[in-house]
Amino acid sequence: MKVFLLKDVERVGMAGQMIKVTDGYATNFLFPRKLAVEITPENEAKFLSKIRVVEKHKEVVATKTSMLAEKVKQLELKIKRKLADGDKLYGAISAGDIVELFAAEGISVSKNQIEFGKSIKTKGVHEFTVKLSSTLKPVCKIKVLAE
């Protein structure tokens, strides 16, 4: 079945794409969640014109996102926390803490965009990923200091 994706679906496709999926996947997953609509011979031309509009919009968003990615890469965030037994923190640094640090720098990201390789529980410099889009995932550094 041919469908037009209304939203990005991980491991399937990006919003604005026409793709072929199995009938069951479309009717049981994509359609109920309003992630896609079915393409019929009657409405195919309409969706082809929508694809052109979506492509232009994606170009604009991609340039803005890539500029944001460069800004995020160059930042080195610093956070002060209380330490126990030398270098260990009392608690781990959370995604919420990092979102607040970005907000202080004027960058708006959400908690689910922050990805840790492993939890940050010691002082020092640590790396984490900010998932801005499916292709842009800049690595940022955070320096944990003693309070």
Protein backbone atom coordinates (compact mmCIF):
# COMPACT_ATOMS: atom_id res chain seq x y z
CA MET A 1 0.00 0.00 0.00
CA LYS A 2 1.28 3.47 -0.89
CA VAL A 3 1.05 6.03 1.90
CA PHE A 4 2.02 9.68 2.38
CA LEU A 5 3.77 10.26 5.71
CA LEU A 6 2.42 13.18 7.70
CA LYS A 7 5.06 12.90 10.45
CA ASP A 8 8.52 11.38 10.74
CA VAL A 9 8.39 7.69 11.61
CA GLU A 10 11.64 6.23 12.88
CA ARG A 11 13.13 3.54 10.61
CA VAL A 12 10.31 4.08 8.08
CA GLY A 13 10.58 7.54 6.58
CA MET A 14 10.40 11.29 6.94
CA ALA A 15 7.33 13.51 6.83
CA GLY A 16 6.33 14.35 3.26
CA GLN A 17 7.53 11.11 1.71
CA MET A 18 5.50 8.66 -0.33
CA ILE A 19 6.44 5.12 0.66
CA LYS A 20 5.16 1.59 0.27
CA VAL A 21 4.29 -0.30 3.45
CA THR A 22 2.37 -3.46 4.20
CA ASP A 23 -1.39 -3.15 4.51
CA GLY A 24 -1.41 -4.31 8.13
CA TYR A 25 1.27 -1.85 9.22
CA ALA A 26 -0.61 1.02 7.60
CA THR A 27 -4.05 0.14 8.97
CA ASN A 28 -2.94 -0.94 12.44
CA PHE A 29 -0.15 1.52 13.18
CA LEU A 30 0.18 4.48 10.80
CA PHE A 31 -3.47 5.39 10.23
CA PRO A 32 -4.74 5.21 13.85
CA ARG A 33 -1.84 7.40 15.03
CA LYS A 34 -2.43 9.85 12.15
CA LEU A 35 1.14 9.38 10.93
CA ALA A 36 0.15 8.72 7.32
CA VAL A 37 -2.71 8.80 4.81
CA GLU A 38 -3.40 6.37 2.00
CA ILE A 39 -2.56 7.39 -1.54
CA THR A 40 -5.16 6.50 -4.13
CA PRO A 41 -4.90 7.14 -7.88
CA GLU A 42 -7.34 10.05 -7.46
CA ASN A 43 -5.35 11.94 -4.81
CA GLU A 44 -1.81 11.05 -5.95
CA ALA A 45 -1.35 14.33 -7.87
CA LYS A 46 -2.37 16.31 -4.79
CA PHE A 47 0.28 14.56 -2.70
CA LEU A 48 2.95 15.04 -5.36
CA SER A 49 2.43 18.80 -5.13
CA LYS A 50 2.56 18.56 -1.32
CA ILE A 51 5.90 16.78 -1.59
CA ARG A 52 7.41 19.75 -3.42
CA VAL A 53 6.20 22.14 -0.70
CA VAL A 54 7.55 19.85 2.03
CA GLU A 55 10.94 19.62 0.29
CA LYS A 56 11.30 23.41 0.23
CA HIS A 57 10.29 23.59 3.88
CA LYS A 58 12.82 20.87 4.75
CA GLU A 59 15.62 22.86 3.12
CA VAL A 60 14.83 25.90 5.27
CA VAL A 61 14.59 23.81 8.43
CA ALA A 62 17.79 21.94 7.57
CA THR A 63 19.80 25.15 7.30
CA LYS A 64 18.43 26.45 10.61
CA THR A 65 19.05 23.10 12.28
CA SER A 66 22.61 22.87 10.95
CA MET A 67 23.33 26.36 12.28
CA LEU A 68 21.95 25.29 15.66
CA ALA A 69 24.08 22.12 15.52
CA GLU A 70 27.23 24.19 15.02
CA LYS A 71 26.29 26.42 17.94
CA VAL A 72 25.63 23.38 20.16
CA LYS A 73 28.94 21.74 19.19
CA GLN A 74 30.95 24.79 20.20
CA LEU A 75 29.33 25.14 23.62
CA GLU A 76 31.04 23.72 26.66
CA LEU A 77 28.49 23.66 29.44
CA LYS A 78 29.55 23.87 33.08
CA ILE A 79 27.60 22.69 36.09
CA LYS A 80 28.51 22.75 39.78
CA ARG A 81 27.38 19.91 42.02
CA LYS A 82 28.15 18.61 45.48
CA LEU A 83 30.59 15.74 45.51
CA ALA A 84 30.87 12.72 47.76
CA ASP A 85 34.05 10.67 48.25
CA GLY A 86 36.37 12.56 45.92
CA ASP A 87 35.04 12.64 42.36
CA LYS A 88 31.59 11.06 42.70
CA LEU A 89 28.37 13.05 42.58
CA TYR A 90 25.51 12.52 45.00
CA GLY A 91 23.16 12.08 42.04
CA ALA A 92 23.54 11.82 38.29
CA ILE A 93 23.27 14.75 35.88
CA SER A 94 19.88 14.46 34.20
CA ALA A 95 18.59 15.55 30.81
CA GLY A 96 16.51 18.18 32.63
CA ASP A 97 19.67 19.74 34.06
CA ILE A 98 21.18 19.98 30.59
CA VAL A 99 17.97 21.47 29.14
CA GLU A 100 18.16 24.21 31.80
CA LEU A 101 21.80 24.93 30.89
CA PHE A 102 20.87 25.21 27.22
CA ALA A 103 17.96 27.51 28.11
CA ALA A 104 20.40 29.79 29.93
CA GLU A 105 22.41 29.96 26.68
CA GLY A 106 19.26 30.78 24.68
CA ILE A 107 18.92 27.37 23.02
CA SER A 108 15.61 25.54 23.21
CA VAL A 109 15.79 21.73 23.35
CA SER A 110 13.62 19.14 25.08
CA LYS A 111 14.60 16.35 27.46
CA ASN A 112 13.96 13.60 24.93
CA GLN A 113 16.52 15.17 22.55
CA ILE A 114 19.35 14.62 25.06
CA GLU A 115 21.04 11.23 24.76
CA PHE A 116 23.72 9.97 27.16
CA GLY A 117 26.20 7.24 26.32
CA LYS A 118 26.36 6.46 30.02
CA SER A 119 25.03 8.37 33.00
CA ILE A 120 27.13 11.25 34.32
CA LYS A 121 28.01 10.50 37.95
CA THR A 122 31.56 11.81 38.31
CA LYS A 123 33.28 15.16 38.06
CA GLY A 124 35.19 16.02 34.91
CA VAL A 125 34.35 16.51 31.23
CA HIS A 126 31.65 14.27 29.76
CA GLU A 127 30.09 14.05 26.29
CA PHE A 128 26.44 13.66 25.34
CA THR A 129 24.47 13.82 22.11
CA VAL A 130 21.75 16.29 21.21
CA LYS A 131 19.34 14.75 18.69
CA LEU A 132 18.22 17.75 16.61
CA SER A 133 16.95 15.64 13.71
CA SER A 134 17.31 12.10 12.44
CA THR A 135 20.56 13.06 10.71
CA LEU A 136 21.94 15.88 12.87
CA LYS A 137 23.20 14.63 16.22
CA PRO A 138 25.96 16.95 17.44
CA VAL A 139 28.09 15.86 20.38
CA CYS A 140 28.34 18.40 23.18
CA LYS A 141 30.54 18.53 26.28
CA ILE A 142 29.60 19.25 29.87
CA LYS A 143 32.12 19.97 32.59
CA VAL A 144 31.07 18.89 36.07
CA LEU A 145 32.75 20.94 38.79
CA ALA A 146 32.82 20.67 42.59
CA GLU A 147 30.55 23.08 44.42
